[in-house]
């Protein structure tokens, strides 16, 4: 039986619920891991962009895209996919800083919602 969750704008609890097979403890673990990894991945992404290391940009964007899709954060995943594609195409690398700026705008409200949802799961 599917549980009712608050509606969130930046991610989908139903995606996590489906992956976790309705196990709320596993859902909480997934969320906790996402919250923990975001600053690490963003730091890696910022460093790779500063160094213009396009293979590392592609690698980190891919990791963060997967984590984002795992929680149903499709807007973030879409930006990261565009960054990943741009890092692989020399004529498109000029777009990467703009994608990074958008990622930095999307992350705070996403983390706010994800942290709220974590609180709901761990009550």
PDB file of N, CA and C in Angstrom:
ATOM      1  N   UNK A   1       0.829  -1.181   0.000  1.00  0.00           N
ATOM      2  CA  UNK A   1       0.000   0.000   0.000  1.00  0.00           C
ATOM      3  C   UNK A   1       0.881   1.255   0.000  1.00  0.00           C
ATOM      4  N   UNK A   2       0.622   2.154  -0.925  1.00  0.00           N
ATOM      5  CA  UNK A   2       1.393   3.385  -1.037  1.00  0.00           C
ATOM      6  C   UNK A   2       0.967   4.368   0.044  1.00  0.00           C
ATOM      7  N   UNK A   3       1.979   4.976   0.663  1.00  0.00           N
ATOM      8  CA  UNK A   3       1.709   5.982   1.679  1.00  0.00           C
ATOM      9  C   UNK A   3       1.503   7.331   1.013  1.00  0.00           C
ATOM     10  N   UNK A   4       0.825   8.216   1.695  1.00  0.00           N
ATOM     11  CA  UNK A   4       0.630   9.580   1.207  1.00  0.00           C
ATOM     12  C   UNK A   4       1.748  10.448   1.763  1.00  0.00           C
ATOM     13  N   UNK A   5       2.394  11.178   0.872  1.00  0.00           N
ATOM     14  CA  UNK A   5       3.486  12.065   1.265  1.00  0.00           C
ATOM     15  C   UNK A   5       3.105  13.500   0.921  1.00  0.00           C
ATOM     16  N   UNK A   6       3.733  14.446   1.620  1.00  0.00           N
ATOM     17  CA  UNK A   6       3.521  15.842   1.216  1.00  0.00           C
ATOM     18  C   UNK A   6       3.966  16.027  -0.244  1.00  0.00           C
ATOM     19  N   UNK A   7       3.392  16.995  -0.918  1.00  0.00           N
ATOM     20  CA  UNK A   7       3.824  17.307  -2.281  1.00  0.00           C
ATOM     21  C   UNK A   7       5.061  18.187  -2.212  1.00  0.00           C
ATOM     22  N   UNK A   8       6.068  17.792  -2.930  1.00  0.00           N
ATOM     23  CA  UNK A   8       7.305  18.563  -2.993  1.00  0.00           C
ATOM     24  C   UNK A   8       7.538  19.002  -4.431  1.00  0.00           C
ATOM     25  N   UNK A   9       8.114  20.163  -4.579  1.00  0.00           N
ATOM     26  CA  UNK A   9       8.350  20.730  -5.897  1.00  0.00           C
ATOM     27  C   UNK A   9       9.629  20.199  -6.544  1.00  0.00           C
ATOM     28  N   UNK A  10      10.645  19.881  -5.724  1.00  0.00           N
ATOM     29  CA  UNK A  10      11.981  19.606  -6.252  1.00  0.00           C
ATOM     30  C   UNK A  10      12.390  18.136  -6.277  1.00  0.00           C
ATOM     31  N   UNK A  11      11.579  17.262  -5.704  1.00  0.00           N
ATOM     32  CA  UNK A  11      11.870  15.825  -5.750  1.00  0.00           C
ATOM     33  C   UNK A  11      10.584  15.052  -5.512  1.00  0.00           C
ATOM     34  N   UNK A  12      10.659  13.732  -5.714  1.00  0.00           N
ATOM     35  CA  UNK A  12       9.458  12.906  -5.600  1.00  0.00           C
ATOM     36  C   UNK A  12       9.653  11.770  -4.596  1.00  0.00           C
ATOM     37  N   UNK A  13       9.002  11.863  -3.432  1.00  0.00           N
ATOM     38  CA  UNK A  13       9.087  10.760  -2.474  1.00  0.00           C
ATOM     39  C   UNK A  13       8.615   9.427  -3.054  1.00  0.00           C
ATOM     40  N   UNK A  14       7.718   9.474  -4.028  1.00  0.00           N
ATOM     41  CA  UNK A  14       7.194   8.235  -4.603  1.00  0.00           C
ATOM     42  C   UNK A  14       8.291   7.464  -5.336  1.00  0.00           C
ATOM     43  N   UNK A  15       9.219   8.182  -5.960  1.00  0.00           N
ATOM     44  CA  UNK A  15      10.342   7.506  -6.626  1.00  0.00           C
ATOM     45  C   UNK A  15      11.156   6.736  -5.591  1.00  0.00           C
ATOM     46  N   UNK A  16      11.453   7.380  -4.476  1.00  0.00           N
ATOM     47  CA  UNK A  16      12.233   6.724  -3.410  1.00  0.00           C
ATOM     48  C   UNK A  16      11.443   5.557  -2.830  1.00  0.00           C
ATOM     49  N   UNK A  17      10.167   5.762  -2.620  1.00  0.00           N
ATOM     50  CA  UNK A  17       9.312   4.710  -2.062  1.00  0.00           C
ATOM     51  C   UNK A  17       9.304   3.488  -2.973  1.00  0.00           C
ATOM     52  N   UNK A  18       9.203   3.707  -4.275  1.00  0.00           N
ATOM     53  CA  UNK A  18       9.211   2.584  -5.222  1.00  0.00           C
ATOM     54  C   UNK A  18      10.548   1.835  -5.177  1.00  0.00           C
ATOM     55  N   UNK A  19      11.644   2.580  -5.156  1.00  0.00           N
ATOM     56  CA  UNK A  19      12.970   1.957  -5.111  1.00  0.00           C
ATOM     57  C   UNK A  19      13.156   1.186  -3.810  1.00  0.00           C
ATOM     58  N   UNK A  20      12.678   1.756  -2.715  1.00  0.00           N
ATOM     59  CA  UNK A  20      12.852   1.143  -1.394  1.00  0.00           C
ATOM     60  C   UNK A  20      11.774   0.121  -1.070  1.00  0.00           C
ATOM     61  N   UNK A  21      10.886  -0.163  -2.003  1.00  0.00           N
ATOM     62  CA  UNK A  21       9.813  -1.144  -1.804  1.00  0.00           C
ATOM     63  C   UNK A  21       9.024  -0.864  -0.520  1.00  0.00           C
ATOM     64  N   UNK A  22       8.669   0.406  -0.335  1.00  0.00           N
ATOM     65  CA  UNK A  22       7.845   0.852   0.798  1.00  0.00           C
ATOM     66  C   UNK A  22       8.533   0.750   2.162  1.00  0.00           C
ATOM     67  N   UNK A  23       9.815   0.493   2.206  1.00  0.00           N
ATOM     68  CA  UNK A  23      10.563   0.382   3.465  1.00  0.00           C
ATOM     69  C   UNK A  23      10.993   1.787   3.895  1.00  0.00           C
ATOM     70  N   UNK A  24      10.322   2.356   4.888  1.00  0.00           N
ATOM     71  CA  UNK A  24      10.605   3.738   5.287  1.00  0.00           C
ATOM     72  C   UNK A  24      12.006   3.895   5.896  1.00  0.00           C
ATOM     73  N   UNK A  25      12.518   2.856   6.541  1.00  0.00           N
ATOM     74  CA  UNK A  25      13.888   2.931   7.066  1.00  0.00           C
ATOM     75  C   UNK A  25      14.898   3.036   5.927  1.00  0.00           C
ATOM     76  N   UNK A  26      14.690   2.261   4.883  1.00  0.00           N
ATOM     77  CA  UNK A  26      15.562   2.335   3.716  1.00  0.00           C
ATOM     78  C   UNK A  26      15.403   3.684   3.019  1.00  0.00           C
ATOM     79  N   UNK A  27      14.180   4.193   2.952  1.00  0.00           N
ATOM     80  CA  UNK A  27      13.955   5.515   2.368  1.00  0.00           C
ATOM     81  C   UNK A  27      14.742   6.575   3.132  1.00  0.00           C
ATOM     82  N   UNK A  28      14.706   6.498   4.456  1.00  0.00           N
ATOM     83  CA  UNK A  28      15.451   7.457   5.282  1.00  0.00           C
ATOM     84  C   UNK A  28      16.946   7.346   5.023  1.00  0.00           C
ATOM     85  N   UNK A  29      17.446   6.130   4.862  1.00  0.00           N
ATOM     86  CA  UNK A  29      18.871   5.936   4.564  1.00  0.00           C
ATOM     87  C   UNK A  29      19.255   6.546   3.220  1.00  0.00           C
ATOM     88  N   UNK A  30      18.402   6.350   2.222  1.00  0.00           N
ATOM     89  CA  UNK A  30      18.651   6.922   0.893  1.00  0.00           C
ATOM     90  C   UNK A  30      18.729   8.439   0.990  1.00  0.00           C
ATOM     91  N   UNK A  31      17.771   9.036   1.690  1.00  0.00           N
ATOM     92  CA  UNK A  31      17.742  10.495   1.856  1.00  0.00           C
ATOM     93  C   UNK A  31      18.963  10.976   2.627  1.00  0.00           C
ATOM     94  N   UNK A  32      19.289  10.286   3.696  1.00  0.00           N
ATOM     95  CA  UNK A  32      20.446  10.657   4.517  1.00  0.00           C
ATOM     96  C   UNK A  32      21.726  10.638   3.675  1.00  0.00           C
ATOM     97  N   UNK A  33      21.883   9.621   2.856  1.00  0.00           N
ATOM     98  CA  UNK A  33      23.067   9.504   1.993  1.00  0.00           C
ATOM     99  C   UNK A  33      23.096  10.624   0.957  1.00  0.00           C
ATOM    100  N   UNK A  34      21.947  10.951   0.390  1.00  0.00           N
ATOM    101  CA  UNK A  34      21.868  12.038  -0.589  1.00  0.00           C
ATOM    102  C   UNK A  34      22.299  13.350   0.061  1.00  0.00           C
ATOM    103  N   UNK A  35      21.761  13.632   1.240  1.00  0.00           N
ATOM    104  CA  UNK A  35      22.098  14.870   1.962  1.00  0.00           C
ATOM    105  C   UNK A  35      23.600  14.921   2.239  1.00  0.00           C
ATOM    106  N   UNK A  36      24.173  13.798   2.620  1.00  0.00           N
ATOM    107  CA  UNK A  36      25.603  13.733   2.934  1.00  0.00           C
ATOM    108  C   UNK A  36      26.470  13.933   1.688  1.00  0.00           C
ATOM    109  N   UNK A  37      26.051  13.405   0.566  1.00  0.00           N
ATOM    110  CA  UNK A  37      26.876  13.422  -0.646  1.00  0.00           C
ATOM    111  C   UNK A  37      26.822  14.738  -1.420  1.00  0.00           C
ATOM    112  N   UNK A  38      25.741  15.471  -1.298  1.00  0.00           N
ATOM    113  CA  UNK A  38      25.587  16.699  -2.089  1.00  0.00           C
ATOM    114  C   UNK A  38      26.773  17.650  -1.924  1.00  0.00           C
ATOM    115  N   UNK A  39      27.184  18.022  -0.711  1.00  0.00           N
ATOM    116  CA  UNK A  39      28.304  18.966  -0.615  1.00  0.00           C
ATOM    117  C   UNK A  39      29.612  18.388  -1.160  1.00  0.00           C
ATOM    118  N   UNK A  40      29.788  17.091  -1.031  1.00  0.00           N
ATOM    119  CA  UNK A  40      31.000  16.443  -1.555  1.00  0.00           C
ATOM    120  C   UNK A  40      31.010  16.530  -3.075  1.00  0.00           C
ATOM    121  N   UNK A  41      29.919  16.131  -3.693  1.00  0.00           N
ATOM    122  CA  UNK A  41      29.830  16.168  -5.157  1.00  0.00           C
ATOM    123  C   UNK A  41      29.938  17.595  -5.694  1.00  0.00           C
ATOM    124  N   UNK A  42      29.290  18.549  -5.011  1.00  0.00           N
ATOM    125  CA  UNK A  42      29.381  19.936  -5.471  1.00  0.00           C
ATOM    126  C   UNK A  42      30.806  20.456  -5.367  1.00  0.00           C
ATOM    127  N   UNK A  43      31.501  20.092  -4.312  1.00  0.00           N
ATOM    128  CA  UNK A  43      32.907  20.486  -4.169  1.00  0.00           C
ATOM    129  C   UNK A  43      33.761  19.901  -5.281  1.00  0.00           C
ATOM    130  N   UNK A  44      33.525  18.628  -5.596  1.00  0.00           N
ATOM    131  CA  UNK A  44      34.259  17.981  -6.688  1.00  0.00           C
ATOM    132  C   UNK A  44      33.946  18.645  -8.023  1.00  0.00           C
ATOM    133  N   UNK A  45      32.693  18.991  -8.219  1.00  0.00           N
ATOM    134  CA  UNK A  45      32.270  19.625  -9.470  1.00  0.00           C
ATOM    135  C   UNK A  45      32.868  21.025  -9.600  1.00  0.00           C
ATOM    136  N   UNK A  46      32.803  21.794  -8.528  1.00  0.00           N
ATOM    137  CA  UNK A  46      33.396  23.139  -8.535  1.00  0.00           C
ATOM    138  C   UNK A  46      34.893  23.066  -8.854  1.00  0.00           C
ATOM    139  N   UNK A  47      35.604  22.132  -8.217  1.00  0.00           N
ATOM    140  CA  UNK A  47      37.042  21.990  -8.445  1.00  0.00           C
ATOM    141  C   UNK A  47      37.337  21.581  -9.882  1.00  0.00           C
ATOM    142  N   UNK A  48      36.583  20.648 -10.402  1.00  0.00           N
ATOM    143  CA  UNK A  48      36.799  20.188 -11.777  1.00  0.00           C
ATOM    144  C   UNK A  48      36.565  21.317 -12.773  1.00  0.00           C
ATOM    145  N   UNK A  49      35.573  22.142 -12.505  1.00  0.00           N
ATOM    146  CA  UNK A  49      35.285  23.260 -13.404  1.00  0.00           C
ATOM    147  C   UNK A  49      36.389  24.309 -13.305  1.00  0.00           C
ATOM    148  N   UNK A  50      36.846  24.609 -12.097  1.00  0.00           N
ATOM    149  CA  UNK A  50      37.964  25.551 -11.944  1.00  0.00           C
ATOM    150  C   UNK A  50      39.191  25.075 -12.716  1.00  0.00           C
ATOM    151  N   UNK A  51      39.442  23.766 -12.662  1.00  0.00           N
ATOM    152  CA  UNK A  51      40.614  23.174 -13.319  1.00  0.00           C
ATOM    153  C   UNK A  51      40.360  22.872 -14.800  1.00  0.00           C
ATOM    154  N   UNK A  52      39.141  23.102 -15.256  1.00  0.00           N
ATOM    155  CA  UNK A  52      38.732  22.781 -16.624  1.00  0.00           C
ATOM    156  C   UNK A  52      39.060  21.326 -16.977  1.00  0.00           C
ATOM    157  N   UNK A  53      38.806  20.442 -16.005  1.00  0.00           N
ATOM    158  CA  UNK A  53      39.007  19.001 -16.167  1.00  0.00           C
ATOM    159  C   UNK A  53      37.680  18.407 -16.653  1.00  0.00           C
ATOM    160  N   UNK A  54      37.511  18.376 -17.965  1.00  0.00           N
ATOM    161  CA  UNK A  54      36.223  18.020 -18.537  1.00  0.00           C
ATOM    162  C   UNK A  54      35.853  16.563 -18.319  1.00  0.00           C
ATOM    163  N   UNK A  55      36.827  15.673 -18.242  1.00  0.00           N
ATOM    164  CA  UNK A  55      36.479  14.275 -17.955  1.00  0.00           C
ATOM    165  C   UNK A  55      35.992  14.142 -16.509  1.00  0.00           C
ATOM    166  N   UNK A  56      36.563  14.909 -15.598  1.00  0.00           N
ATOM    167  CA  UNK A  56      36.114  14.882 -14.200  1.00  0.00           C
ATOM    168  C   UNK A  56      34.746  15.553 -14.065  1.00  0.00           C
ATOM    169  N   UNK A  57      34.519  16.634 -14.801  1.00  0.00           N
ATOM    170  CA  UNK A  57      33.203  17.278 -14.798  1.00  0.00           C
ATOM    171  C   UNK A  57      32.153  16.260 -15.238  1.00  0.00           C
ATOM    172  N   UNK A  58      32.441  15.578 -16.317  1.00  0.00           N
ATOM    173  CA  UNK A  58      31.505  14.570 -16.837  1.00  0.00           C
ATOM    174  C   UNK A  58      31.259  13.471 -15.805  1.00  0.00           C
ATOM    175  N   UNK A  59      32.318  12.999 -15.171  1.00  0.00           N
ATOM    176  CA  UNK A  59      32.222  11.931 -14.181  1.00  0.00           C
ATOM    177  C   UNK A  59      31.376  12.350 -12.973  1.00  0.00           C
ATOM    178  N   UNK A  60      31.676  13.526 -12.414  1.00  0.00           N
ATOM    179  CA  UNK A  60      30.958  13.977 -11.220  1.00  0.00           C
ATOM    180  C   UNK A  60      29.511  14.337 -11.561  1.00  0.00           C
ATOM    181  N   UNK A  61      29.290  14.993 -12.698  1.00  0.00           N
ATOM    182  CA  UNK A  61      27.923  15.312 -13.110  1.00  0.00           C
ATOM    183  C   UNK A  61      27.115  14.025 -13.268  1.00  0.00           C
ATOM    184  N   UNK A  62      27.751  13.000 -13.800  1.00  0.00           N
ATOM    185  CA  UNK A  62      27.072  11.710 -13.975  1.00  0.00           C
ATOM    186  C   UNK A  62      26.701  11.105 -12.616  1.00  0.00           C
ATOM    187  N   UNK A  63      27.627  11.128 -11.662  1.00  0.00           N
ATOM    188  CA  UNK A  63      27.346  10.589 -10.316  1.00  0.00           C
ATOM    189  C   UNK A  63      26.190  11.337  -9.654  1.00  0.00           C
ATOM    190  N   UNK A  64      26.262  12.661  -9.711  1.00  0.00           N
ATOM    191  CA  UNK A  64      25.237  13.466  -9.060  1.00  0.00           C
ATOM    192  C   UNK A  64      23.898  13.337  -9.782  1.00  0.00           C
ATOM    193  N   UNK A  65      23.942  13.183 -11.098  1.00  0.00           N
ATOM    194  CA  UNK A  65      22.702  12.963 -11.868  1.00  0.00           C
ATOM    195  C   UNK A  65      22.022  11.674 -11.405  1.00  0.00           C
ATOM    196  N   UNK A  66      22.809  10.616 -11.246  1.00  0.00           N
ATOM    197  CA  UNK A  66      22.247   9.342 -10.786  1.00  0.00           C
ATOM    198  C   UNK A  66      21.628   9.457  -9.403  1.00  0.00           C
ATOM    199  N   UNK A  67      22.326  10.122  -8.503  1.00  0.00           N
ATOM    200  CA  UNK A  67      21.788  10.320  -7.149  1.00  0.00           C
ATOM    201  C   UNK A  67      20.503  11.136  -7.188  1.00  0.00           C
ATOM    202  N   UNK A  68      20.473  12.139  -8.059  1.00  0.00           N
ATOM    203  CA  UNK A  68      19.290  12.990  -8.175  1.00  0.00           C
ATOM    204  C   UNK A  68      18.109  12.199  -8.707  1.00  0.00           C
ATOM    205  N   UNK A  69      18.342  11.387  -9.708  1.00  0.00           N
ATOM    206  CA  UNK A  69      17.249  10.580 -10.262  1.00  0.00           C
ATOM    207  C   UNK A  69      16.752   9.557  -9.243  1.00  0.00           C
ATOM    208  N   UNK A  70      17.640   9.087  -8.402  1.00  0.00           N
ATOM    209  CA  UNK A  70      17.290   8.096  -7.384  1.00  0.00           C
ATOM    210  C   UNK A  70      16.245   8.637  -6.417  1.00  0.00           C
ATOM    211  N   UNK A  71      16.231   9.969  -6.228  1.00  0.00           N
ATOM    212  CA  UNK A  71      15.231  10.559  -5.339  1.00  0.00           C
ATOM    213  C   UNK A  71      14.151  11.317  -6.110  1.00  0.00           C
ATOM    214  N   UNK A  72      14.178  11.229  -7.417  1.00  0.00           N
ATOM    215  CA  UNK A  72      13.157  11.887  -8.222  1.00  0.00           C
ATOM    216  C   UNK A  72      13.355  13.390  -8.365  1.00  0.00           C
ATOM    217  N   UNK A  73      14.611  13.849  -8.254  1.00  0.00           N
ATOM    218  CA  UNK A  73      14.928  15.273  -8.430  1.00  0.00           C
ATOM    219  C   UNK A  73      15.255  15.501  -9.906  1.00  0.00           C
ATOM    220  N   UNK A  74      14.222  15.472 -10.731  1.00  0.00           N
ATOM    221  CA  UNK A  74      14.413  15.481 -12.185  1.00  0.00           C
ATOM    222  C   UNK A  74      14.947  16.799 -12.733  1.00  0.00           C
ATOM    223  N   UNK A  75      14.578  17.931 -12.147  1.00  0.00           N
ATOM    224  CA  UNK A  75      15.097  19.217 -12.638  1.00  0.00           C
ATOM    225  C   UNK A  75      16.615  19.271 -12.455  1.00  0.00           C
ATOM    226  N   UNK A  76      17.090  18.843 -11.304  1.00  0.00           N
ATOM    227  CA  UNK A  76      18.531  18.805 -11.051  1.00  0.00           C
ATOM    228  C   UNK A  76      19.194  17.796 -11.976  1.00  0.00           C
ATOM    229  N   UNK A  77      18.604  16.631 -12.116  1.00  0.00           N
ATOM    230  CA  UNK A  77      19.172  15.591 -12.980  1.00  0.00           C
ATOM    231  C   UNK A  77      19.283  16.084 -14.421  1.00  0.00           C
ATOM    232  N   UNK A  78      18.296  16.827 -14.880  1.00  0.00           N
ATOM    233  CA  UNK A  78      18.317  17.352 -16.241  1.00  0.00           C
ATOM    234  C   UNK A  78      19.458  18.346 -16.440  1.00  0.00           C
ATOM    235  N   UNK A  79      19.657  19.239 -15.485  1.00  0.00           N
ATOM    236  CA  UNK A  79      20.783  20.183 -15.563  1.00  0.00           C
ATOM    237  C   UNK A  79      22.111  19.437 -15.606  1.00  0.00           C
ATOM    238  N   UNK A  80      22.228  18.438 -14.774  1.00  0.00           N
ATOM    239  CA  UNK A  80      23.474  17.666 -14.710  1.00  0.00           C
ATOM    240  C   UNK A  80      23.701  16.880 -15.990  1.00  0.00           C
ATOM    241  N   UNK A  81      22.640  16.402 -16.587  1.00  0.00           N
ATOM    242  CA  UNK A  81      22.777  15.700 -17.861  1.00  0.00           C
ATOM    243  C   UNK A  81      23.291  16.663 -18.935  1.00  0.00           C
ATOM    244  N   UNK A  82      22.765  17.876 -18.951  1.00  0.00           N
ATOM    245  CA  UNK A  82      23.243  18.869 -19.909  1.00  0.00           C
ATOM    246  C   UNK A  82      24.718  19.199 -19.664  1.00  0.00           C
ATOM    247  N   UNK A  83      25.102  19.281 -18.396  1.00  0.00           N
ATOM    248  CA  UNK A  83      26.502  19.534 -18.059  1.00  0.00           C
ATOM    249  C   UNK A  83      27.379  18.383 -18.519  1.00  0.00           C
ATOM    250  N   UNK A  84      26.920  17.178 -18.275  1.00  0.00           N
ATOM    251  CA  UNK A  84      27.652  15.975 -18.676  1.00  0.00           C
ATOM    252  C   UNK A  84      27.849  15.945 -20.197  1.00  0.00           C
ATOM    253  N   UNK A  85      26.806  16.233 -20.938  1.00  0.00           N
ATOM    254  CA  UNK A  85      26.880  16.259 -22.404  1.00  0.00           C
ATOM    255  C   UNK A  85      27.830  17.364 -22.864  1.00  0.00           C
ATOM    256  N   UNK A  86      27.719  18.540 -22.269  1.00  0.00           N
ATOM    257  CA  UNK A  86      28.579  19.668 -22.647  1.00  0.00           C
ATOM    258  C   UNK A  86      30.049  19.374 -22.384  1.00  0.00           C
ATOM    259  N   UNK A  87      30.335  18.678 -21.290  1.00  0.00           N
ATOM    260  CA  UNK A  87      31.726  18.355 -20.950  1.00  0.00           C
ATOM    261  C   UNK A  87      32.354  17.418 -21.964  1.00  0.00           C
ATOM    262  N   UNK A  88      31.521  16.731 -22.710  1.00  0.00           N
ATOM    263  CA  UNK A  88      32.003  15.757 -23.686  1.00  0.00           C
ATOM    264  C   UNK A  88      32.079  16.335 -25.102  1.00  0.00           C
ATOM    265  N   UNK A  89      31.653  17.595 -25.254  1.00  0.00           N
ATOM    266  CA  UNK A  89      31.627  18.210 -26.587  1.00  0.00           C
ATOM    267  C   UNK A  89      32.382  19.539 -26.550  1.00  0.00           C
ATOM    268  N   UNK A  90      33.549  19.598 -27.164  1.00  0.00           N
ATOM    269  CA  UNK A  90      34.369  20.817 -27.108  1.00  0.00           C
ATOM    270  C   UNK A  90      33.632  22.096 -27.503  1.00  0.00           C
ATOM    271  N   UNK A  91      32.686  22.001 -28.406  1.00  0.00           N
ATOM    272  CA  UNK A  91      31.962  23.204 -28.824  1.00  0.00           C
ATOM    273  C   UNK A  91      30.910  23.642 -27.802  1.00  0.00           C
ATOM    274  N   UNK A  92      30.673  22.829 -26.781  1.00  0.00           N
ATOM    275  CA  UNK A  92      29.630  23.131 -25.792  1.00  0.00           C
ATOM    276  C   UNK A  92      30.169  23.429 -24.393  1.00  0.00           C
ATOM    277  N   UNK A  93      31.482  23.288 -24.167  1.00  0.00           N
ATOM    278  CA  UNK A  93      32.022  23.455 -22.806  1.00  0.00           C
ATOM    279  C   UNK A  93      31.776  24.853 -22.243  1.00  0.00           C
ATOM    280  N   UNK A  94      31.584  25.830 -23.095  1.00  0.00           N
ATOM    281  CA  UNK A  94      31.310  27.192 -22.625  1.00  0.00           C
ATOM    282  C   UNK A  94      29.982  27.276 -21.850  1.00  0.00           C
ATOM    283  N   UNK A  95      29.119  26.291 -22.002  1.00  0.00           N
ATOM    284  CA  UNK A  95      27.825  26.268 -21.296  1.00  0.00           C
ATOM    285  C   UNK A  95      27.938  25.779 -19.853  1.00  0.00           C
ATOM    286  N   UNK A  96      29.034  25.133 -19.520  1.00  0.00           N
ATOM    287  CA  UNK A  96      29.168  24.482 -18.212  1.00  0.00           C
ATOM    288  C   UNK A  96      29.028  25.461 -17.048  1.00  0.00           C
ATOM    289  N   UNK A  97      29.684  26.620 -17.038  1.00  0.00           N
ATOM    290  CA  UNK A  97      29.509  27.532 -15.893  1.00  0.00           C
ATOM    291  C   UNK A  97      28.047  27.950 -15.675  1.00  0.00           C
ATOM    292  N   UNK A  98      27.307  28.133 -16.757  1.00  0.00           N
ATOM    293  CA  UNK A  98      25.886  28.470 -16.617  1.00  0.00           C
ATOM    294  C   UNK A  98      25.094  27.337 -15.990  1.00  0.00           C
ATOM    295  N   UNK A  99      25.389  26.109 -16.403  1.00  0.00           N
ATOM    296  CA  UNK A  99      24.712  24.956 -15.792  1.00  0.00           C
ATOM    297  C   UNK A  99      25.062  24.855 -14.314  1.00  0.00           C
ATOM    298  N   UNK A 100      26.338  25.105 -13.995  1.00  0.00           N
ATOM    299  CA  UNK A 100      26.752  25.040 -12.588  1.00  0.00           C
ATOM    300  C   UNK A 100      26.012  26.098 -11.765  1.00  0.00           C
ATOM    301  N   UNK A 101      25.871  27.291 -12.307  1.00  0.00           N
ATOM    302  CA  UNK A 101      25.140  28.345 -11.589  1.00  0.00           C
ATOM    303  C   UNK A 101      23.699  27.905 -11.329  1.00  0.00           C
ATOM    304  N   UNK A 102      23.079  27.280 -12.320  1.00  0.00           N
ATOM    305  CA  UNK A 102      21.705  26.799 -12.143  1.00  0.00           C
ATOM    306  C   UNK A 102      21.644  25.685 -11.100  1.00  0.00           C
ATOM    307  N   UNK A 103      22.639  24.798 -11.110  1.00  0.00           N
ATOM    308  CA  UNK A 103      22.703  23.719 -10.111  1.00  0.00           C
ATOM    309  C   UNK A 103      22.756  24.328  -8.718  1.00  0.00           C
ATOM    310  N   UNK A 104      23.596  25.355  -8.548  1.00  0.00           N
ATOM    311  CA  UNK A 104      23.723  25.997  -7.233  1.00  0.00           C
ATOM    312  C   UNK A 104      22.433  26.705  -6.809  1.00  0.00           C
ATOM    313  N   UNK A 105      21.594  27.097  -7.764  1.00  0.00           N
ATOM    314  CA  UNK A 105      20.298  27.692  -7.423  1.00  0.00           C
ATOM    315  C   UNK A 105      19.259  26.630  -7.050  1.00  0.00           C
ATOM    316  N   UNK A 106      19.343  25.464  -7.671  1.00  0.00           N
ATOM    317  CA  UNK A 106      18.369  24.390  -7.444  1.00  0.00           C
ATOM    318  C   UNK A 106      18.636  23.646  -6.134  1.00  0.00           C
ATOM    319  N   UNK A 107      19.896  23.518  -5.772  1.00  0.00           N
ATOM    320  CA  UNK A 107      20.258  22.697  -4.602  1.00  0.00           C
ATOM    321  C   UNK A 107      19.646  23.183  -3.280  1.00  0.00           C
ATOM    322  N   UNK A 108      19.729  24.472  -2.917  1.00  0.00           N
ATOM    323  CA  UNK A 108      19.190  24.857  -1.594  1.00  0.00           C
ATOM    324  C   UNK A 108      17.716  24.526  -1.378  1.00  0.00           C
ATOM    325  N   UNK A 109      16.812  24.873  -2.309  1.00  0.00           N
ATOM    326  CA  UNK A 109      15.420  24.497  -2.040  1.00  0.00           C
ATOM    327  C   UNK A 109      15.203  22.981  -2.075  1.00  0.00           C
ATOM    328  N   UNK A 110      15.976  22.281  -2.900  1.00  0.00           N
ATOM    329  CA  UNK A 110      15.892  20.816  -2.926  1.00  0.00           C
ATOM    330  C   UNK A 110      16.301  20.253  -1.573  1.00  0.00           C
ATOM    331  N   UNK A 111      17.431  20.708  -1.047  1.00  0.00           N
ATOM    332  CA  UNK A 111      17.891  20.201   0.251  1.00  0.00           C
ATOM    333  C   UNK A 111      16.920  20.559   1.373  1.00  0.00           C
ATOM    334  N   UNK A 112      16.300  21.714   1.282  1.00  0.00           N
ATOM    335  CA  UNK A 112      15.304  22.087   2.286  1.00  0.00           C
ATOM    336  C   UNK A 112      14.152  21.076   2.293  1.00  0.00           C
ATOM    337  N   UNK A 113      13.658  20.743   1.108  1.00  0.00           N
ATOM    338  CA  UNK A 113      12.566  19.768   1.018  1.00  0.00           C
ATOM    339  C   UNK A 113      13.014  18.376   1.449  1.00  0.00           C
ATOM    340  N   UNK A 114      14.196  17.980   1.024  1.00  0.00           N
ATOM    341  CA  UNK A 114      14.702  16.644   1.348  1.00  0.00           C
ATOM    342  C   UNK A 114      14.919  16.516   2.857  1.00  0.00           C
ATOM    343  N   UNK A 115      15.443  17.557   3.481  1.00  0.00           N
ATOM    344  CA  UNK A 115      15.622  17.532   4.938  1.00  0.00           C
ATOM    345  C   UNK A 115      14.281  17.463   5.656  1.00  0.00           C
ATOM    346  N   UNK A 116      13.285  18.186   5.144  1.00  0.00           N
ATOM    347  CA  UNK A 116      11.950  18.117   5.735  1.00  0.00           C
ATOM    348  C   UNK A 116      11.392  16.700   5.618  1.00  0.00           C
ATOM    349  N   UNK A 117      11.564  16.097   4.444  1.00  0.00           N
ATOM    350  CA  UNK A 117      11.072  14.743   4.228  1.00  0.00           C
ATOM    351  C   UNK A 117      11.800  13.745   5.129  1.00  0.00           C
ATOM    352  N   UNK A 118      13.094  13.929   5.313  1.00  0.00           N
ATOM    353  CA  UNK A 118      13.855  13.075   6.223  1.00  0.00           C
ATOM    354  C   UNK A 118      13.242  13.153   7.627  1.00  0.00           C
ATOM    355  N   UNK A 119      12.862  14.364   8.050  1.00  0.00           N
ATOM    356  CA  UNK A 119      12.210  14.526   9.357  1.00  0.00           C
ATOM    357  C   UNK A 119      10.888  13.778   9.433  1.00  0.00           C
ATOM    358  N   UNK A 120      10.134  13.798   8.340  1.00  0.00           N
ATOM    359  CA  UNK A 120       8.866  13.076   8.288  1.00  0.00           C
ATOM    360  C   UNK A 120       9.130  11.562   8.449  1.00  0.00           C
ATOM    361  N   UNK A 121      10.147  11.079   7.761  1.00  0.00           N
ATOM    362  CA  UNK A 121      10.443   9.639   7.787  1.00  0.00           C
ATOM    363  C   UNK A 121      10.965   9.168   9.146  1.00  0.00           C
ATOM    364  N   UNK A 122      11.655  10.038   9.859  1.00  0.00           N
ATOM    365  CA  UNK A 122      12.319   9.610  11.102  1.00  0.00           C
ATOM    366  C   UNK A 122      11.574  10.021  12.367  1.00  0.00           C
ATOM    367  N   UNK A 123      10.355  10.484  12.200  1.00  0.00           N
ATOM    368  CA  UNK A 123       9.543  10.840  13.409  1.00  0.00           C
ATOM    369  C   UNK A 123       9.227   9.620  14.201  1.00  0.00           C
TER     370      UNK A 123
END
